[in-house]
Amino acid sequence: MGSEMAGARIVERPDVMADGVGPILRAGEIADAVIEAISEDNPDRIVYVTDRGGYIRIYTIDECHLTRASLEKYLGRDYALPRLEIEMPSYSGRISTSDTEYRWYNMA
């Protein structure tokens, strides 16, 4: 991985940083689109990806945003953001959700 996108830099990591926050998703089309969307929605952050085969851990440090608009852009179709919970068995950090944005964060 380790590619430069329109947004943040994406880095593959085998381990997980203690202050990392973000979704843990089933591997597949949604996870791939979420990686790209989070990169775009967090242009000032490095996006870390840990591939565990059946699931993908995606995180940034301290705060991570995902918007429906960017996810739809990378999926190429409409997507109701609350449906992400079906693909997301877990996450790191705390979470705030709406119909248009998910935000994972650490309490400081």
PDB file of N, CA and C in Angstrom:
ATOM      1  N   MET A   1       0.850  -1.165   0.000  1.00  0.00           N
ATOM      2  CA  MET A   1       0.000   0.000   0.000  1.00  0.00           C
ATOM      3  C   MET A   1       0.898   1.230   0.000  1.00  0.00           C
ATOM      4  N   GLY A   2       0.917   2.062   1.058  1.00  0.00           N
ATOM      5  CA  GLY A   2       1.806   3.197   1.143  1.00  0.00           C
ATOM      6  C   GLY A   2       1.645   4.191   0.018  1.00  0.00           C
ATOM      7  N   SER A   3       0.442   4.438  -0.460  1.00  0.00           N
ATOM      8  CA  SER A   3       0.233   5.313  -1.600  1.00  0.00           C
ATOM      9  C   SER A   3      -0.213   6.702  -1.186  1.00  0.00           C
ATOM     10  N   GLU A   4       0.024   7.666  -2.066  1.00  0.00           N
ATOM     11  CA  GLU A   4      -0.439   9.028  -1.860  1.00  0.00           C
ATOM     12  C   GLU A   4      -1.752   9.194  -2.600  1.00  0.00           C
ATOM     13  N   MET A   5      -2.785   9.617  -1.920  1.00  0.00           N
ATOM     14  CA  MET A   5      -4.082   9.830  -2.535  1.00  0.00           C
ATOM     15  C   MET A   5      -4.354  11.327  -2.566  1.00  0.00           C
ATOM     16  N   ALA A   6      -5.538  11.700  -3.026  1.00  0.00           N
ATOM     17  CA  ALA A   6      -5.936  13.101  -3.044  1.00  0.00           C
ATOM     18  C   ALA A   6      -5.949  13.675  -1.634  1.00  0.00           C
ATOM     19  N   GLY A   7      -6.160  12.843  -0.635  1.00  0.00           N
ATOM     20  CA  GLY A   7      -6.220  13.295   0.746  1.00  0.00           C
ATOM     21  C   GLY A   7      -4.948  12.954   1.483  1.00  0.00           C
ATOM     22  N   ALA A   8      -5.080  12.159   2.509  1.00  0.00           N
ATOM     23  CA  ALA A   8      -3.973  11.808   3.375  1.00  0.00           C
ATOM     24  C   ALA A   8      -3.102  10.720   2.752  1.00  0.00           C
ATOM     25  N   ARG A   9      -2.012  10.417   3.415  1.00  0.00           N
ATOM     26  CA  ARG A   9      -1.137   9.325   3.016  1.00  0.00           C
ATOM     27  C   ARG A   9      -1.649   8.047   3.660  1.00  0.00           C
ATOM     28  N   ILE A  10      -1.683   6.954   2.901  1.00  0.00           N
ATOM     29  CA  ILE A  10      -2.138   5.664   3.401  1.00  0.00           C
ATOM     30  C   ILE A  10      -0.916   4.786   3.639  1.00  0.00           C
ATOM     31  N   VAL A  11      -0.806   4.233   4.852  1.00  0.00           N
ATOM     32  CA  VAL A  11       0.342   3.425   5.224  1.00  0.00           C
ATOM     33  C   VAL A  11      -0.150   2.093   5.773  1.00  0.00           C
ATOM     34  N   GLU A  12       0.393   0.986   5.247  1.00  0.00           N
ATOM     35  CA  GLU A  12       0.048  -0.337   5.773  1.00  0.00           C
ATOM     36  C   GLU A  12       0.925  -0.614   6.983  1.00  0.00           C
ATOM     37  N   ARG A  13       0.287  -1.028   8.099  1.00  0.00           N
ATOM     38  CA  ARG A  13       1.012  -1.351   9.328  1.00  0.00           C
ATOM     39  C   ARG A  13       0.553  -2.708   9.826  1.00  0.00           C
ATOM     40  N   PRO A  14       1.475  -3.568  10.228  1.00  0.00           N
ATOM     41  CA  PRO A  14       1.082  -4.869  10.763  1.00  0.00           C
ATOM     42  C   PRO A  14       0.550  -4.764  12.197  1.00  0.00           C
ATOM     43  N   ASP A  15       0.951  -3.724  12.923  1.00  0.00           N
ATOM     44  CA  ASP A  15       0.508  -3.549  14.303  1.00  0.00           C
ATOM     45  C   ASP A  15      -0.446  -2.353  14.384  1.00  0.00           C
ATOM     46  N   VAL A  16      -0.954  -2.093  15.558  1.00  0.00           N
ATOM     47  CA  VAL A  16      -1.899  -1.003  15.750  1.00  0.00           C
ATOM     48  C   VAL A  16      -1.353  -0.073  16.827  1.00  0.00           C
ATOM     49  N   MET A  17      -1.379   1.222  16.550  1.00  0.00           N
ATOM     50  CA  MET A  17      -0.901   2.203  17.511  1.00  0.00           C
ATOM     51  C   MET A  17      -1.952   2.396  18.605  1.00  0.00           C
ATOM     52  N   ALA A  18      -1.502   2.589  19.831  1.00  0.00           N
ATOM     53  CA  ALA A  18      -2.411   2.689  20.978  1.00  0.00           C
ATOM     54  C   ALA A  18      -3.393   3.848  20.850  1.00  0.00           C
ATOM     55  N   ASP A  19      -3.010   4.943  20.221  1.00  0.00           N
ATOM     56  CA  ASP A  19      -3.895   6.103  20.115  1.00  0.00           C
ATOM     57  C   ASP A  19      -4.625   6.155  18.773  1.00  0.00           C
ATOM     58  N   GLY A  20      -4.618   5.036  18.043  1.00  0.00           N
ATOM     59  CA  GLY A  20      -5.319   4.960  16.770  1.00  0.00           C
ATOM     60  C   GLY A  20      -6.820   4.812  16.957  1.00  0.00           C
ATOM     61  N   VAL A  21      -7.601   5.518  16.130  1.00  0.00           N
ATOM     62  CA  VAL A  21      -9.060   5.441  16.174  1.00  0.00           C
ATOM     63  C   VAL A  21      -9.597   5.264  14.763  1.00  0.00           C
ATOM     64  N   GLY A  22     -10.664   4.481  14.640  1.00  0.00           N
ATOM     65  CA  GLY A  22     -11.270   4.277  13.336  1.00  0.00           C
ATOM     66  C   GLY A  22     -11.995   2.949  13.263  1.00  0.00           C
ATOM     67  N   PRO A  23     -12.543   2.629  12.090  1.00  0.00           N
ATOM     68  CA  PRO A  23     -13.361   1.425  11.947  1.00  0.00           C
ATOM     69  C   PRO A  23     -12.545   0.147  11.747  1.00  0.00           C
ATOM     70  N   ILE A  24     -13.156  -0.958  12.130  1.00  0.00           N
ATOM     71  CA  ILE A  24     -12.662  -2.293  11.807  1.00  0.00           C
ATOM     72  C   ILE A  24     -13.752  -2.902  10.941  1.00  0.00           C
ATOM     73  N   LEU A  25     -13.428  -3.193   9.683  1.00  0.00           N
ATOM     74  CA  LEU A  25     -14.426  -3.592   8.702  1.00  0.00           C
ATOM     75  C   LEU A  25     -14.134  -4.971   8.119  1.00  0.00           C
ATOM     76  N   ARG A  26     -15.205  -5.645   7.698  1.00  0.00           N
ATOM     77  CA  ARG A  26     -15.016  -6.872   6.938  1.00  0.00           C
ATOM     78  C   ARG A  26     -14.300  -6.519   5.640  1.00  0.00           C
ATOM     79  N   ALA A  27     -13.354  -7.333   5.232  1.00  0.00           N
ATOM     80  CA  ALA A  27     -12.606  -7.087   3.991  1.00  0.00           C
ATOM     81  C   ALA A  27     -13.561  -7.124   2.808  1.00  0.00           C
ATOM     82  N   GLY A  28     -13.324  -6.270   1.814  1.00  0.00           N
ATOM     83  CA  GLY A  28     -14.141  -6.259   0.614  1.00  0.00           C
ATOM     84  C   GLY A  28     -14.301  -4.864   0.038  1.00  0.00           C
ATOM     85  N   GLU A  29     -15.276  -4.739  -0.829  1.00  0.00           N
ATOM     86  CA  GLU A  29     -15.518  -3.499  -1.561  1.00  0.00           C
ATOM     87  C   GLU A  29     -15.755  -2.299  -0.642  1.00  0.00           C
ATOM     88  N   ILE A  30     -16.543  -2.477   0.412  1.00  0.00           N
ATOM     89  CA  ILE A  30     -16.846  -1.371   1.330  1.00  0.00           C
ATOM     90  C   ILE A  30     -15.567  -0.937   2.043  1.00  0.00           C
ATOM     91  N   ALA A  31     -14.803  -1.889   2.557  1.00  0.00           N
ATOM     92  CA  ALA A  31     -13.552  -1.554   3.247  1.00  0.00           C
ATOM     93  C   ALA A  31     -12.595  -0.815   2.317  1.00  0.00           C
ATOM     94  N   ASP A  32     -12.477  -1.258   1.074  1.00  0.00           N
ATOM     95  CA  ASP A  32     -11.594  -0.585   0.116  1.00  0.00           C
ATOM     96  C   ASP A  32     -12.027   0.860  -0.103  1.00  0.00           C
ATOM     97  N   ALA A  33     -13.336   1.079  -0.252  1.00  0.00           N
ATOM     98  CA  ALA A  33     -13.854   2.429  -0.464  1.00  0.00           C
ATOM     99  C   ALA A  33     -13.684   3.285   0.790  1.00  0.00           C
ATOM    100  N   VAL A  34     -13.860   2.693   1.966  1.00  0.00           N
ATOM    101  CA  VAL A  34     -13.693   3.433   3.215  1.00  0.00           C
ATOM    102  C   VAL A  34     -12.244   3.902   3.375  1.00  0.00           C
ATOM    103  N   ILE A  35     -11.282   3.083   3.014  1.00  0.00           N
ATOM    104  CA  ILE A  35      -9.874   3.497   3.086  1.00  0.00           C
ATOM    105  C   ILE A  35      -9.660   4.760   2.259  1.00  0.00           C
ATOM    106  N   GLU A  36     -10.134   4.750   1.023  1.00  0.00           N
ATOM    107  CA  GLU A  36      -9.963   5.914   0.142  1.00  0.00           C
ATOM    108  C   GLU A  36     -10.725   7.124   0.672  1.00  0.00           C
ATOM    109  N   ALA A  37     -11.944   6.899   1.145  1.00  0.00           N
ATOM    110  CA  ALA A  37     -12.772   7.999   1.650  1.00  0.00           C
ATOM    111  C   ALA A  37     -12.167   8.619   2.908  1.00  0.00           C
ATOM    112  N   ILE A  38     -11.691   7.792   3.825  1.00  0.00           N
ATOM    113  CA  ILE A  38     -11.060   8.327   5.035  1.00  0.00           C
ATOM    114  C   ILE A  38      -9.808   9.113   4.671  1.00  0.00           C
ATOM    115  N   SER A  39      -9.071   8.640   3.689  1.00  0.00           N
ATOM    116  CA  SER A  39      -7.895   9.378   3.227  1.00  0.00           C
ATOM    117  C   SER A  39      -8.293  10.777   2.748  1.00  0.00           C
ATOM    118  N   GLU A  40      -9.373  10.848   1.990  1.00  0.00           N
ATOM    119  CA  GLU A  40      -9.839  12.146   1.491  1.00  0.00           C
ATOM    120  C   GLU A  40     -10.392  13.026   2.609  1.00  0.00           C
ATOM    121  N   ASP A  41     -11.110  12.431   3.541  1.00  0.00           N
ATOM    122  CA  ASP A  41     -11.758  13.195   4.605  1.00  0.00           C
ATOM    123  C   ASP A  41     -10.810  13.628   5.721  1.00  0.00           C
ATOM    124  N   ASN A  42      -9.593  13.108   5.718  1.00  0.00           N
ATOM    125  CA  ASN A  42      -8.590  13.435   6.743  1.00  0.00           C
ATOM    126  C   ASN A  42      -7.272  13.826   6.075  1.00  0.00           C
ATOM    127  N   PRO A  43      -7.275  14.890   5.276  1.00  0.00           N
ATOM    128  CA  PRO A  43      -6.091  15.214   4.463  1.00  0.00           C
ATOM    129  C   PRO A  43      -4.835  15.555   5.265  1.00  0.00           C
ATOM    130  N   ASP A  44      -4.998  15.938   6.515  1.00  0.00           N
ATOM    131  CA  ASP A  44      -3.846  16.306   7.341  1.00  0.00           C
ATOM    132  C   ASP A  44      -3.345  15.148   8.200  1.00  0.00           C
ATOM    133  N   ARG A  45      -3.866  13.945   7.978  1.00  0.00           N
ATOM    134  CA  ARG A  45      -3.497  12.799   8.807  1.00  0.00           C
ATOM    135  C   ARG A  45      -2.983  11.639   7.946  1.00  0.00           C
ATOM    136  N   ILE A  46      -2.153  10.822   8.556  1.00  0.00           N
ATOM    137  CA  ILE A  46      -1.749   9.574   7.929  1.00  0.00           C
ATOM    138  C   ILE A  46      -2.827   8.546   8.233  1.00  0.00           C
ATOM    139  N   VAL A  47      -3.257   7.812   7.223  1.00  0.00           N
ATOM    140  CA  VAL A  47      -4.253   6.753   7.393  1.00  0.00           C
ATOM    141  C   VAL A  47      -3.494   5.431   7.450  1.00  0.00           C
ATOM    142  N   TYR A  48      -3.640   4.731   8.560  1.00  0.00           N
ATOM    143  CA  TYR A  48      -2.973   3.446   8.759  1.00  0.00           C
ATOM    144  C   TYR A  48      -3.960   2.322   8.467  1.00  0.00           C
ATOM    145  N   VAL A  49      -3.479   1.278   7.811  1.00  0.00           N
ATOM    146  CA  VAL A  49      -4.312   0.135   7.457  1.00  0.00           C
ATOM    147  C   VAL A  49      -3.606  -1.136   7.920  1.00  0.00           C
ATOM    148  N   THR A  50      -4.331  -1.951   8.677  1.00  0.00           N
ATOM    149  CA  THR A  50      -3.830  -3.254   9.105  1.00  0.00           C
ATOM    150  C   THR A  50      -4.755  -4.310   8.523  1.00  0.00           C
ATOM    151  N   ASP A  51      -4.225  -5.123   7.623  1.00  0.00           N
ATOM    152  CA  ASP A  51      -5.002  -6.161   6.948  1.00  0.00           C
ATOM    153  C   ASP A  51      -4.841  -7.468   7.709  1.00  0.00           C
ATOM    154  N   ARG A  52      -5.938  -7.961   8.261  1.00  0.00           N
ATOM    155  CA  ARG A  52      -5.925  -9.223   9.017  1.00  0.00           C
ATOM    156  C   ARG A  52      -6.606 -10.348   8.242  1.00  0.00           C
ATOM    157  N   GLY A  53      -6.683 -10.200   6.925  1.00  0.00           N
ATOM    158  CA  GLY A  53      -7.298 -11.244   6.101  1.00  0.00           C
ATOM    159  C   GLY A  53      -8.796 -11.056   5.994  1.00  0.00           C
ATOM    160  N   GLY A  54      -9.535 -11.480   6.991  1.00  0.00           N
ATOM    161  CA  GLY A  54     -10.991 -11.376   6.978  1.00  0.00           C
ATOM    162  C   GLY A  54     -11.519 -10.002   7.338  1.00  0.00           C
ATOM    163  N   TYR A  55     -10.679  -9.231   8.009  1.00  0.00           N
ATOM    164  CA  TYR A  55     -11.094  -7.878   8.356  1.00  0.00           C
ATOM    165  C   TYR A  55      -9.941  -6.903   8.183  1.00  0.00           C
ATOM    166  N   ILE A  56     -10.297  -5.642   8.051  1.00  0.00           N
ATOM    167  CA  ILE A  56      -9.336  -4.562   7.834  1.00  0.00           C
ATOM    168  C   ILE A  56      -9.514  -3.536   8.944  1.00  0.00           C
ATOM    169  N   ARG A  57      -8.442  -3.191   9.593  1.00  0.00           N
ATOM    170  CA  ARG A  57      -8.461  -2.133  10.610  1.00  0.00           C
ATOM    171  C   ARG A  57      -7.930  -0.861   9.944  1.00  0.00           C
ATOM    172  N   ILE A  58      -8.730   0.206   9.983  1.00  0.00           N
ATOM    173  CA  ILE A  58      -8.372   1.485   9.371  1.00  0.00           C
ATOM    174  C   ILE A  58      -8.357   2.514  10.492  1.00  0.00           C
ATOM    175  N   TYR A  59      -7.261   3.256  10.623  1.00  0.00           N
ATOM    176  CA  TYR A  59      -7.238   4.227  11.705  1.00  0.00           C
ATOM    177  C   TYR A  59      -6.304   5.392  11.419  1.00  0.00           C
ATOM    178  N   THR A  60      -6.568   6.480  12.124  1.00  0.00           N
ATOM    179  CA  THR A  60      -5.697   7.642  12.174  1.00  0.00           C
ATOM    180  C   THR A  60      -5.410   7.877  13.655  1.00  0.00           C
ATOM    181  N   ILE A  61      -4.590   8.844  13.950  1.00  0.00           N
ATOM    182  CA  ILE A  61      -4.244   9.126  15.332  1.00  0.00           C
ATOM    183  C   ILE A  61      -5.203  10.166  15.907  1.00  0.00           C
ATOM    184  N   ASP A  62      -5.820   9.840  17.023  1.00  0.00           N
ATOM    185  CA  ASP A  62      -6.685  10.705  17.837  1.00  0.00           C
ATOM    186  C   ASP A  62      -8.061  11.038  17.270  1.00  0.00           C
ATOM    187  N   GLU A  63      -8.209  11.239  15.967  1.00  0.00           N
ATOM    188  CA  GLU A  63      -9.504  11.588  15.397  1.00  0.00           C
ATOM    189  C   GLU A  63      -9.560  11.149  13.935  1.00  0.00           C
ATOM    190  N   CYS A  64     -10.716  10.600  13.536  1.00  0.00           N
ATOM    191  CA  CYS A  64     -10.877  10.076  12.184  1.00  0.00           C
ATOM    192  C   CYS A  64     -12.289  10.396  11.697  1.00  0.00           C
ATOM    193  N   HIS A  65     -12.401  10.990  10.515  1.00  0.00           N
ATOM    194  CA  HIS A  65     -13.696  11.352   9.935  1.00  0.00           C
ATOM    195  C   HIS A  65     -13.966  10.517   8.682  1.00  0.00           C
ATOM    196  N   LEU A  66     -15.241  10.206   8.464  1.00  0.00           N
ATOM    197  CA  LEU A  66     -15.704   9.553   7.245  1.00  0.00           C
ATOM    198  C   LEU A  66     -17.036  10.189   6.870  1.00  0.00           C
ATOM    199  N   THR A  67     -17.126  10.742   5.660  1.00  0.00           N
ATOM    200  CA  THR A  67     -18.379  11.340   5.215  1.00  0.00           C
ATOM    201  C   THR A  67     -19.070  10.435   4.198  1.00  0.00           C
ATOM    202  N   ARG A  68     -20.385  10.527   4.185  1.00  0.00           N
ATOM    203  CA  ARG A  68     -21.160   9.762   3.213  1.00  0.00           C
ATOM    204  C   ARG A  68     -20.773  10.179   1.797  1.00  0.00           C
ATOM    205  N   ALA A  69     -20.564  11.476   1.566  1.00  0.00           N
ATOM    206  CA  ALA A  69     -20.230  11.968   0.223  1.00  0.00           C
ATOM    207  C   ALA A  69     -18.954  11.328  -0.314  1.00  0.00           C
ATOM    208  N   SER A  70     -17.914  11.263   0.504  1.00  0.00           N
ATOM    209  CA  SER A  70     -16.660  10.668   0.017  1.00  0.00           C
ATOM    210  C   SER A  70     -16.801   9.160  -0.160  1.00  0.00           C
ATOM    211  N   LEU A  71     -17.525   8.492   0.738  1.00  0.00           N
ATOM    212  CA  LEU A  71     -17.720   7.048   0.594  1.00  0.00           C
ATOM    213  C   LEU A  71     -18.487   6.745  -0.689  1.00  0.00           C
ATOM    214  N   GLU A  72     -19.533   7.497  -0.971  1.00  0.00           N
ATOM    215  CA  GLU A  72     -20.296   7.307  -2.203  1.00  0.00           C
ATOM    216  C   GLU A  72     -19.440   7.569  -3.438  1.00  0.00           C
ATOM    217  N   LYS A  73     -18.562   8.537  -3.338  1.00  0.00           N
ATOM    218  CA  LYS A  73     -17.654   8.845  -4.451  1.00  0.00           C
ATOM    219  C   LYS A  73     -16.797   7.621  -4.790  1.00  0.00           C
ATOM    220  N   TYR A  74     -16.225   6.966  -3.783  1.00  0.00           N
ATOM    221  CA  TYR A  74     -15.339   5.833  -4.034  1.00  0.00           C
ATOM    222  C   TYR A  74     -16.088   4.535  -4.301  1.00  0.00           C
ATOM    223  N   LEU A  75     -17.328   4.430  -3.826  1.00  0.00           N
ATOM    224  CA  LEU A  75     -18.155   3.272  -4.160  1.00  0.00           C
ATOM    225  C   LEU A  75     -18.773   3.403  -5.543  1.00  0.00           C
ATOM    226  N   GLY A  76     -18.999   4.646  -5.967  1.00  0.00           N
ATOM    227  CA  GLY A  76     -19.629   4.878  -7.261  1.00  0.00           C
ATOM    228  C   GLY A  76     -21.136   4.701  -7.239  1.00  0.00           C
ATOM    229  N   ARG A  77     -21.718   4.795  -6.037  1.00  0.00           N
ATOM    230  CA  ARG A  77     -23.172   4.656  -5.909  1.00  0.00           C
ATOM    231  C   ARG A  77     -23.618   5.266  -4.579  1.00  0.00           C
ATOM    232  N   ASP A  78     -24.927   5.443  -4.439  1.00  0.00           N
ATOM    233  CA  ASP A  78     -25.496   5.921  -3.183  1.00  0.00           C
ATOM    234  C   ASP A  78     -25.254   4.888  -2.089  1.00  0.00           C
ATOM    235  N   TYR A  79     -25.075   5.371  -0.867  1.00  0.00           N
ATOM    236  CA  TYR A  79     -24.859   4.467   0.257  1.00  0.00           C
ATOM    237  C   TYR A  79     -25.372   5.144   1.524  1.00  0.00           C
ATOM    238  N   ALA A  80     -26.310   4.511   2.190  1.00  0.00           N
ATOM    239  CA  ALA A  80     -26.828   5.027   3.460  1.00  0.00           C
ATOM    240  C   ALA A  80     -25.779   4.747   4.536  1.00  0.00           C
ATOM    241  N   LEU A  81     -25.160   5.773   5.056  1.00  0.00           N
ATOM    242  CA  LEU A  81     -24.034   5.615   5.976  1.00  0.00           C
ATOM    243  C   LEU A  81     -24.343   4.720   7.180  1.00  0.00           C
ATOM    244  N   PRO A  82     -25.549   4.753   7.755  1.00  0.00           N
ATOM    245  CA  PRO A  82     -25.823   3.832   8.870  1.00  0.00           C
ATOM    246  C   PRO A  82     -25.670   2.347   8.499  1.00  0.00           C
ATOM    247  N   ARG A  83     -25.727   2.013   7.208  1.00  0.00           N
ATOM    248  CA  ARG A  83     -25.514   0.616   6.772  1.00  0.00           C
ATOM    249  C   ARG A  83     -24.075   0.159   7.023  1.00  0.00           C
ATOM    250  N   LEU A  84     -23.181   1.118   7.243  1.00  0.00           N
ATOM    251  CA  LEU A  84     -21.786   0.770   7.503  1.00  0.00           C
ATOM    252  C   LEU A  84     -21.671  -0.132   8.738  1.00  0.00           C
ATOM    253  N   GLU A  85     -22.594   0.009   9.664  1.00  0.00           N
ATOM    254  CA  GLU A  85     -22.539  -0.797  10.888  1.00  0.00           C
ATOM    255  C   GLU A  85     -22.645  -2.290  10.596  1.00  0.00           C
ATOM    256  N   ILE A  86     -23.263  -2.667   9.481  1.00  0.00           N
ATOM    257  CA  ILE A  86     -23.340  -4.073   9.084  1.00  0.00           C
ATOM    258  C   ILE A  86     -21.947  -4.599   8.735  1.00  0.00           C
ATOM    259  N   GLU A  87     -21.121  -3.757   8.131  1.00  0.00           N
ATOM    260  CA  GLU A  87     -19.770  -4.138   7.713  1.00  0.00           C
ATOM    261  C   GLU A  87     -18.735  -3.907   8.807  1.00  0.00           C
ATOM    262  N   MET A  88     -19.135  -3.221   9.895  1.00  0.00           N
ATOM    263  CA  MET A  88     -18.201  -2.788  10.931  1.00  0.00           C
ATOM    264  C   MET A  88     -18.484  -3.520  12.241  1.00  0.00           C
ATOM    265  N   PRO A  89     -17.870  -4.698  12.447  1.00  0.00           N
ATOM    266  CA  PRO A  89     -18.118  -5.426  13.688  1.00  0.00           C
ATOM    267  C   PRO A  89     -17.537  -4.736  14.915  1.00  0.00           C
ATOM    268  N   SER A  90     -16.599  -3.815  14.699  1.00  0.00           N
ATOM    269  CA  SER A  90     -15.976  -3.136  15.825  1.00  0.00           C
ATOM    270  C   SER A  90     -15.308  -1.851  15.340  1.00  0.00           C
ATOM    271  N   TYR A  91     -14.753  -1.122  16.284  1.00  0.00           N
ATOM    272  CA  TYR A  91     -14.006   0.100  15.978  1.00  0.00           C
ATOM    273  C   TYR A  91     -13.106   0.426  17.160  1.00  0.00           C
ATOM    274  N   SER A  92     -12.155   1.317  16.937  1.00  0.00           N
ATOM    275  CA  SER A  92     -11.260   1.764  17.994  1.00  0.00           C
ATOM    276  C   SER A  92     -11.626   3.196  18.358  1.00  0.00           C
ATOM    277  N   GLY A  93     -11.590   3.509  19.644  1.00  0.00           N
ATOM    278  CA  GLY A  93     -11.909   4.852  20.117  1.00  0.00           C
ATOM    279  C   GLY A  93     -13.384   4.987  20.436  1.00  0.00           C
ATOM    280  N   ARG A  94     -13.815   6.203  20.539  1.00  0.00           N
ATOM    281  CA  ARG A  94     -15.239   6.515  20.729  1.00  0.00           C
ATOM    282  C   ARG A  94     -15.805   6.871  19.373  1.00  0.00           C
ATOM    283  N   ILE A  95     -17.141   6.848  19.247  1.00  0.00           N
ATOM    284  CA  ILE A  95     -17.752   7.099  17.945  1.00  0.00           C
ATOM    285  C   ILE A  95     -18.918   8.061  18.080  1.00  0.00           C
ATOM    286  N   SER A  96     -19.043   8.915  17.078  1.00  0.00           N
ATOM    287  CA  SER A  96     -20.180   9.821  16.931  1.00  0.00           C
ATOM    288  C   SER A  96     -20.695   9.612  15.511  1.00  0.00           C
ATOM    289  N   THR A  97     -22.016   9.370  15.366  1.00  0.00           N
ATOM    290  CA  THR A  97     -22.551   9.060  14.048  1.00  0.00           C
ATOM    291  C   THR A  97     -23.714   9.977  13.682  1.00  0.00           C
ATOM    292  N   SER A  98     -23.876  10.161  12.384  1.00  0.00           N
ATOM    293  CA  SER A  98     -25.042  10.848  11.827  1.00  0.00           C
ATOM    294  C   SER A  98     -25.306  10.231  10.456  1.00  0.00           C
ATOM    295  N   ASP A  99     -26.306  10.712   9.780  1.00  0.00           N
ATOM    296  CA  ASP A  99     -26.609  10.203   8.437  1.00  0.00           C
ATOM    297  C   ASP A  99     -25.579  10.644   7.404  1.00  0.00           C
ATOM    298  N   THR A 100     -24.773  11.654   7.742  1.00  0.00           N
ATOM    299  CA  THR A 100     -23.814  12.189   6.770  1.00  0.00           C
ATOM    300  C   THR A 100     -22.348  12.026   7.167  1.00  0.00           C
ATOM    301  N   GLU A 101     -22.071  11.681   8.433  1.00  0.00           N
ATOM    302  CA  GLU A 101     -20.672  11.569   8.858  1.00  0.00           C
ATOM    303  C   GLU A 101     -20.525  10.655  10.061  1.00  0.00           C
ATOM    304  N   TYR A 102     -19.436   9.884  10.061  1.00  0.00           N
ATOM    305  CA  TYR A 102     -19.001   9.134  11.237  1.00  0.00           C
ATOM    306  C   TYR A 102     -17.710   9.791  11.710  1.00  0.00           C
ATOM    307  N   ARG A 103     -17.549   9.843  13.030  1.00  0.00           N
ATOM    308  CA  ARG A 103     -16.336  10.409  13.620  1.00  0.00           C
ATOM    309  C   ARG A 103     -15.902   9.504  14.759  1.00  0.00           C
ATOM    310  N   TRP A 104     -14.663   9.027  14.678  1.00  0.00           N
ATOM    311  CA  TRP A 104     -14.047   8.254  15.751  1.00  0.00           C
ATOM    312  C   TRP A 104     -13.042   9.170  16.417  1.00  0.00           C
ATOM    313  N   TYR A 105     -12.927   9.098  17.739  1.00  0.00           N
ATOM    314  CA  TYR A 105     -12.045  10.025  18.425  1.00  0.00           C
ATOM    315  C   TYR A 105     -11.604   9.465  19.777  1.00  0.00           C
ATOM    316  N   ASN A 106     -10.546  10.039  20.310  1.00  0.00           N
ATOM    317  CA  ASN A 106     -10.070   9.742  21.659  1.00  0.00           C
ATOM    318  C   ASN A 106     -10.539  10.850  22.572  1.00  0.00           C
ATOM    319  N   MET A 107     -10.817  10.522  23.800  1.00  0.00           N
ATOM    320  CA  MET A 107     -11.138  11.542  24.802  1.00  0.00           C
ATOM    321  C   MET A 107      -9.812  12.137  25.280  1.00  0.00           C
ATOM    322  N   ALA A 108      -9.725  13.443  25.233  1.00  0.00           N
ATOM    323  CA  ALA A 108      -8.470  14.096  25.679  1.00  0.00           C
ATOM    324  C   ALA A 108      -8.686  14.876  26.943  1.00  0.00           C
TER     325      ALA A 108
END
